[in-house]
């Protein structure tokens, strides 16, 4: 959530978040992040302005 708080107007892809946060970019790690981003979207913390893109809800 820190990346979204620091860049509230920017939409991120899961892979972009991994690069920004210097996390592993292997497929399994990115898929786990996609799952978590989906959960945050369903809970109302994030929105999906496009397919595979996530942004902080304003």
PDB file of N, CA and C in Angstrom:
ATOM      1  N   UNK A   1       0.815  -1.180   0.000  1.00  0.00           N
ATOM      2  CA  UNK A   1       0.000   0.000   0.000  1.00  0.00           C
ATOM      3  C   UNK A   1       0.867   1.256   0.000  1.00  0.00           C
ATOM      4  N   UNK A   2       2.094   1.164   0.489  1.00  0.00           N
ATOM      5  CA  UNK A   2       2.960   2.348   0.507  1.00  0.00           C
ATOM      6  C   UNK A   2       3.205   2.883  -0.896  1.00  0.00           C
ATOM      7  N   UNK A   3       3.401   2.012  -1.865  1.00  0.00           N
ATOM      8  CA  UNK A   3       3.630   2.451  -3.245  1.00  0.00           C
ATOM      9  C   UNK A   3       2.401   3.196  -3.756  1.00  0.00           C
ATOM     10  N   UNK A   4       1.210   2.721  -3.418  1.00  0.00           N
ATOM     11  CA  UNK A   4      -0.020   3.386  -3.848  1.00  0.00           C
ATOM     12  C   UNK A   4      -0.193   4.718  -3.131  1.00  0.00           C
ATOM     13  N   UNK A   5       0.209   4.791  -1.852  1.00  0.00           N
ATOM     14  CA  UNK A   5       0.112   6.044  -1.111  1.00  0.00           C
ATOM     15  C   UNK A   5       1.092   7.086  -1.636  1.00  0.00           C
ATOM     16  N   UNK A   6       2.265   6.655  -2.050  1.00  0.00           N
ATOM     17  CA  UNK A   6       3.274   7.578  -2.570  1.00  0.00           C
ATOM     18  C   UNK A   6       2.943   8.053  -3.977  1.00  0.00           C
ATOM     19  N   UNK A   7       2.194   7.270  -4.722  1.00  0.00           N
ATOM     20  CA  UNK A   7       1.819   7.597  -6.109  1.00  0.00           C
ATOM     21  C   UNK A   7       0.313   7.396  -6.276  1.00  0.00           C
ATOM     22  N   UNK A   8      -0.520   8.222  -5.617  1.00  0.00           N
ATOM     23  CA  UNK A   8      -1.965   7.966  -5.603  1.00  0.00           C
ATOM     24  C   UNK A   8      -2.650   8.077  -6.965  1.00  0.00           C
ATOM     25  N   UNK A   9      -2.073   8.808  -7.893  1.00  0.00           N
ATOM     26  CA  UNK A   9      -2.710   8.984  -9.205  1.00  0.00           C
ATOM     27  C   UNK A   9      -2.191   8.022 -10.254  1.00  0.00           C
ATOM     28  N   UNK A  10      -1.276   7.145  -9.875  1.00  0.00           N
ATOM     29  CA  UNK A  10      -0.661   6.227 -10.835  1.00  0.00           C
ATOM     30  C   UNK A  10      -1.265   4.833 -10.718  1.00  0.00           C
ATOM     31  N   UNK A  11      -1.516   4.213 -11.846  1.00  0.00           N
ATOM     32  CA  UNK A  11      -1.983   2.834 -11.879  1.00  0.00           C
ATOM     33  C   UNK A  11      -0.779   1.919 -12.093  1.00  0.00           C
ATOM     34  N   UNK A  12      -0.742   0.829 -11.373  1.00  0.00           N
ATOM     35  CA  UNK A  12       0.377  -0.104 -11.439  1.00  0.00           C
ATOM     36  C   UNK A  12      -0.083  -1.470 -11.913  1.00  0.00           C
ATOM     37  N   UNK A  13       0.794  -2.157 -12.608  1.00  0.00           N
ATOM     38  CA  UNK A  13       0.633  -3.584 -12.876  1.00  0.00           C
ATOM     39  C   UNK A  13       1.421  -4.306 -11.781  1.00  0.00           C
ATOM     40  N   UNK A  14       1.066  -5.545 -11.521  1.00  0.00           N
ATOM     41  CA  UNK A  14       1.738  -6.316 -10.468  1.00  0.00           C
ATOM     42  C   UNK A  14       3.237  -6.387 -10.722  1.00  0.00           C
ATOM     43  N   UNK A  15       3.624  -6.616 -11.958  1.00  0.00           N
ATOM     44  CA  UNK A  15       5.052  -6.718 -12.290  1.00  0.00           C
ATOM     45  C   UNK A  15       5.762  -5.386 -12.027  1.00  0.00           C
ATOM     46  N   UNK A  16       5.105  -4.269 -12.353  1.00  0.00           N
ATOM     47  CA  UNK A  16       5.686  -2.941 -12.101  1.00  0.00           C
ATOM     48  C   UNK A  16       5.915  -2.714 -10.611  1.00  0.00           C
ATOM     49  N   UNK A  17       4.979  -3.156  -9.786  1.00  0.00           N
ATOM     50  CA  UNK A  17       5.144  -3.017  -8.335  1.00  0.00           C
ATOM     51  C   UNK A  17       6.346  -3.808  -7.841  1.00  0.00           C
ATOM     52  N   UNK A  18       6.530  -4.993  -8.384  1.00  0.00           N
ATOM     53  CA  UNK A  18       7.683  -5.804  -7.978  1.00  0.00           C
ATOM     54  C   UNK A  18       8.988  -5.109  -8.341  1.00  0.00           C
ATOM     55  N   UNK A  19       9.047  -4.520  -9.510  1.00  0.00           N
ATOM     56  CA  UNK A  19      10.259  -3.797  -9.910  1.00  0.00           C
ATOM     57  C   UNK A  19      10.480  -2.569  -9.040  1.00  0.00           C
ATOM     58  N   UNK A  20       9.416  -1.809  -8.775  1.00  0.00           N
ATOM     59  CA  UNK A  20       9.507  -0.607  -7.961  1.00  0.00           C
ATOM     60  C   UNK A  20       9.976  -0.920  -6.549  1.00  0.00           C
ATOM     61  N   UNK A  21       9.456  -2.007  -5.988  1.00  0.00           N
ATOM     62  CA  UNK A  21       9.784  -2.384  -4.618  1.00  0.00           C
ATOM     63  C   UNK A  21      10.972  -3.331  -4.528  1.00  0.00           C
ATOM     64  N   UNK A  22      11.626  -3.582  -5.661  1.00  0.00           N
ATOM     65  CA  UNK A  22      12.801  -4.463  -5.735  1.00  0.00           C
ATOM     66  C   UNK A  22      12.499  -5.850  -5.162  1.00  0.00           C
ATOM     67  N   UNK A  23      11.344  -6.387  -5.556  1.00  0.00           N
ATOM     68  CA  UNK A  23      10.941  -7.731  -5.159  1.00  0.00           C
ATOM     69  C   UNK A  23      11.244  -8.685  -6.311  1.00  0.00           C
ATOM     70  N   UNK A  24      11.287  -9.983  -6.048  1.00  0.00           N
ATOM     71  CA  UNK A  24      11.517 -10.948  -7.129  1.00  0.00           C
ATOM     72  C   UNK A  24      10.439 -10.823  -8.205  1.00  0.00           C
ATOM     73  N   UNK A  25      10.838 -10.954  -9.459  1.00  0.00           N
ATOM     74  CA  UNK A  25       9.891 -10.801 -10.565  1.00  0.00           C
ATOM     75  C   UNK A  25       9.568 -12.130 -11.248  1.00  0.00           C
ATOM     76  N   UNK A  26       9.804 -13.237 -10.547  1.00  0.00           N
ATOM     77  CA  UNK A  26       9.447 -14.526 -11.137  1.00  0.00           C
ATOM     78  C   UNK A  26       7.925 -14.661 -11.167  1.00  0.00           C
ATOM     79  N   UNK A  27       7.436 -15.502 -12.042  1.00  0.00           N
ATOM     80  CA  UNK A  27       5.996 -15.637 -12.297  1.00  0.00           C
ATOM     81  C   UNK A  27       5.204 -15.971 -11.033  1.00  0.00           C
ATOM     82  N   UNK A  28       5.712 -16.853 -10.204  1.00  0.00           N
ATOM     83  CA  UNK A  28       4.981 -17.253  -8.996  1.00  0.00           C
ATOM     84  C   UNK A  28       4.819 -16.084  -8.027  1.00  0.00           C
ATOM     85  N   UNK A  29       5.865 -15.316  -7.827  1.00  0.00           N
ATOM     86  CA  UNK A  29       5.790 -14.173  -6.916  1.00  0.00           C
ATOM     87  C   UNK A  29       4.817 -13.114  -7.420  1.00  0.00           C
ATOM     88  N   UNK A  30       4.856 -12.835  -8.713  1.00  0.00           N
ATOM     89  CA  UNK A  30       3.970 -11.834  -9.296  1.00  0.00           C
ATOM     90  C   UNK A  30       2.517 -12.310  -9.231  1.00  0.00           C
ATOM     91  N   UNK A  31       2.277 -13.598  -9.410  1.00  0.00           N
ATOM     92  CA  UNK A  31       0.915 -14.130  -9.313  1.00  0.00           C
ATOM     93  C   UNK A  31       0.349 -13.991  -7.900  1.00  0.00           C
ATOM     94  N   UNK A  32       1.188 -14.175  -6.895  1.00  0.00           N
ATOM     95  CA  UNK A  32       0.746 -13.986  -5.510  1.00  0.00           C
ATOM     96  C   UNK A  32       0.351 -12.528  -5.299  1.00  0.00           C
ATOM     97  N   UNK A  33       1.142 -11.606  -5.841  1.00  0.00           N
ATOM     98  CA  UNK A  33       0.819 -10.183  -5.720  1.00  0.00           C
ATOM     99  C   UNK A  33      -0.478  -9.859  -6.449  1.00  0.00           C
ATOM    100  N   UNK A  34      -0.687 -10.435  -7.627  1.00  0.00           N
ATOM    101  CA  UNK A  34      -1.946 -10.225  -8.358  1.00  0.00           C
ATOM    102  C   UNK A  34      -3.139 -10.657  -7.511  1.00  0.00           C
ATOM    103  N   UNK A  35      -3.008 -11.774  -6.845  1.00  0.00           N
ATOM    104  CA  UNK A  35      -4.071 -12.273  -5.983  1.00  0.00           C
ATOM    105  C   UNK A  35      -4.343 -11.292  -4.840  1.00  0.00           C
ATOM    106  N   UNK A  36      -3.300 -10.790  -4.236  1.00  0.00           N
ATOM    107  CA  UNK A  36      -3.454  -9.829  -3.138  1.00  0.00           C
ATOM    108  C   UNK A  36      -4.057  -8.523  -3.624  1.00  0.00           C
ATOM    109  N   UNK A  37      -3.645  -8.073  -4.796  1.00  0.00           N
ATOM    110  CA  UNK A  37      -4.213  -6.845  -5.356  1.00  0.00           C
ATOM    111  C   UNK A  37      -5.696  -7.028  -5.652  1.00  0.00           C
ATOM    112  N   UNK A  38      -6.071  -8.200  -6.131  1.00  0.00           N
ATOM    113  CA  UNK A  38      -7.478  -8.493  -6.368  1.00  0.00           C
ATOM    114  C   UNK A  38      -8.281  -8.450  -5.082  1.00  0.00           C
ATOM    115  N   UNK A  39      -7.712  -8.988  -4.021  1.00  0.00           N
ATOM    116  CA  UNK A  39      -8.387  -8.962  -2.726  1.00  0.00           C
ATOM    117  C   UNK A  39      -8.556  -7.527  -2.233  1.00  0.00           C
ATOM    118  N   UNK A  40      -7.518  -6.701  -2.372  1.00  0.00           N
ATOM    119  CA  UNK A  40      -7.610  -5.295  -1.964  1.00  0.00           C
ATOM    120  C   UNK A  40      -8.641  -4.543  -2.808  1.00  0.00           C
ATOM    121  N   UNK A  41      -8.782  -4.930  -4.066  1.00  0.00           N
ATOM    122  CA  UNK A  41      -9.783  -4.313  -4.934  1.00  0.00           C
ATOM    123  C   UNK A  41     -11.184  -4.689  -4.463  1.00  0.00           C
ATOM    124  N   UNK A  42     -11.393  -5.960  -4.159  1.00  0.00           N
ATOM    125  CA  UNK A  42     -12.707  -6.408  -3.681  1.00  0.00           C
ATOM    126  C   UNK A  42     -13.069  -5.777  -2.338  1.00  0.00           C
ATOM    127  N   UNK A  43     -12.058  -5.498  -1.513  1.00  0.00           N
ATOM    128  CA  UNK A  43     -12.293  -4.882  -0.206  1.00  0.00           C
ATOM    129  C   UNK A  43     -12.498  -3.372  -0.313  1.00  0.00           C
ATOM    130  N   UNK A  44     -12.253  -2.803  -1.497  1.00  0.00           N
ATOM    131  CA  UNK A  44     -12.515  -1.386  -1.702  1.00  0.00           C
ATOM    132  C   UNK A  44     -11.342  -0.457  -1.506  1.00  0.00           C
ATOM    133  N   UNK A  45     -10.141  -0.996  -1.277  1.00  0.00           N
ATOM    134  CA  UNK A  45      -8.973  -0.152  -1.088  1.00  0.00           C
ATOM    135  C   UNK A  45      -8.388   0.332  -2.420  1.00  0.00           C
ATOM    136  N   UNK A  46      -8.538  -0.494  -3.464  1.00  0.00           N
ATOM    137  CA  UNK A  46      -7.996  -0.186  -4.780  1.00  0.00           C
ATOM    138  C   UNK A  46      -9.104  -0.221  -5.825  1.00  0.00           C
ATOM    139  N   UNK A  47      -8.832   0.381  -6.984  1.00  0.00           N
ATOM    140  CA  UNK A  47      -9.727   0.271  -8.126  1.00  0.00           C
ATOM    141  C   UNK A  47      -8.936  -0.335  -9.272  1.00  0.00           C
ATOM    142  N   UNK A  48      -9.639  -0.759 -10.307  1.00  0.00           N
ATOM    143  CA  UNK A  48      -8.997  -1.310 -11.490  1.00  0.00           C
ATOM    144  C   UNK A  48      -9.375  -0.449 -12.693  1.00  0.00           C
ATOM    145  N   UNK A  49      -8.533   0.559 -13.019  1.00  0.00           N
ATOM    146  CA  UNK A  49      -8.854   1.435 -14.148  1.00  0.00           C
ATOM    147  C   UNK A  49      -8.691   0.761 -15.510  1.00  0.00           C
ATOM    148  N   UNK A  50      -8.061  -0.378 -15.535  1.00  0.00           N
ATOM    149  CA  UNK A  50      -7.873  -1.133 -16.768  1.00  0.00           C
ATOM    150  C   UNK A  50      -7.528  -2.559 -16.411  1.00  0.00           C
ATOM    151  N   UNK A  51      -7.576  -3.418 -17.395  1.00  0.00           N
ATOM    152  CA  UNK A  51      -7.285  -4.832 -17.142  1.00  0.00           C
ATOM    153  C   UNK A  51      -5.851  -4.999 -16.633  1.00  0.00           C
ATOM    154  N   UNK A  52      -5.713  -5.586 -15.460  1.00  0.00           N
ATOM    155  CA  UNK A  52      -4.399  -5.852 -14.890  1.00  0.00           C
ATOM    156  C   UNK A  52      -3.731  -4.644 -14.271  1.00  0.00           C
ATOM    157  N   UNK A  53      -4.446  -3.537 -14.158  1.00  0.00           N
ATOM    158  CA  UNK A  53      -3.886  -2.320 -13.580  1.00  0.00           C
ATOM    159  C   UNK A  53      -4.649  -1.995 -12.295  1.00  0.00           C
ATOM    160  N   UNK A  54      -3.921  -1.553 -11.290  1.00  0.00           N
ATOM    161  CA  UNK A  54      -4.517  -1.269  -9.996  1.00  0.00           C
ATOM    162  C   UNK A  54      -4.103   0.129  -9.551  1.00  0.00           C
ATOM    163  N   UNK A  55      -5.049   0.818  -8.907  1.00  0.00           N
ATOM    164  CA  UNK A  55      -4.811   2.194  -8.484  1.00  0.00           C
ATOM    165  C   UNK A  55      -5.514   2.411  -7.151  1.00  0.00           C
ATOM    166  N   UNK A  56      -4.958   3.307  -6.344  1.00  0.00           N
ATOM    167  CA  UNK A  56      -5.571   3.614  -5.063  1.00  0.00           C
ATOM    168  C   UNK A  56      -6.916   4.284  -5.283  1.00  0.00           C
ATOM    169  N   UNK A  57      -7.912   3.844  -4.519  1.00  0.00           N
ATOM    170  CA  UNK A  57      -9.245   4.444  -4.613  1.00  0.00           C
ATOM    171  C   UNK A  57      -9.165   5.845  -4.008  1.00  0.00           C
ATOM    172  N   UNK A  58      -9.734   6.809  -4.728  1.00  0.00           N
ATOM    173  CA  UNK A  58      -9.705   8.198  -4.238  1.00  0.00           C
ATOM    174  C   UNK A  58     -10.977   8.576  -3.541  1.00  0.00           C
TER     175      UNK A  58
END
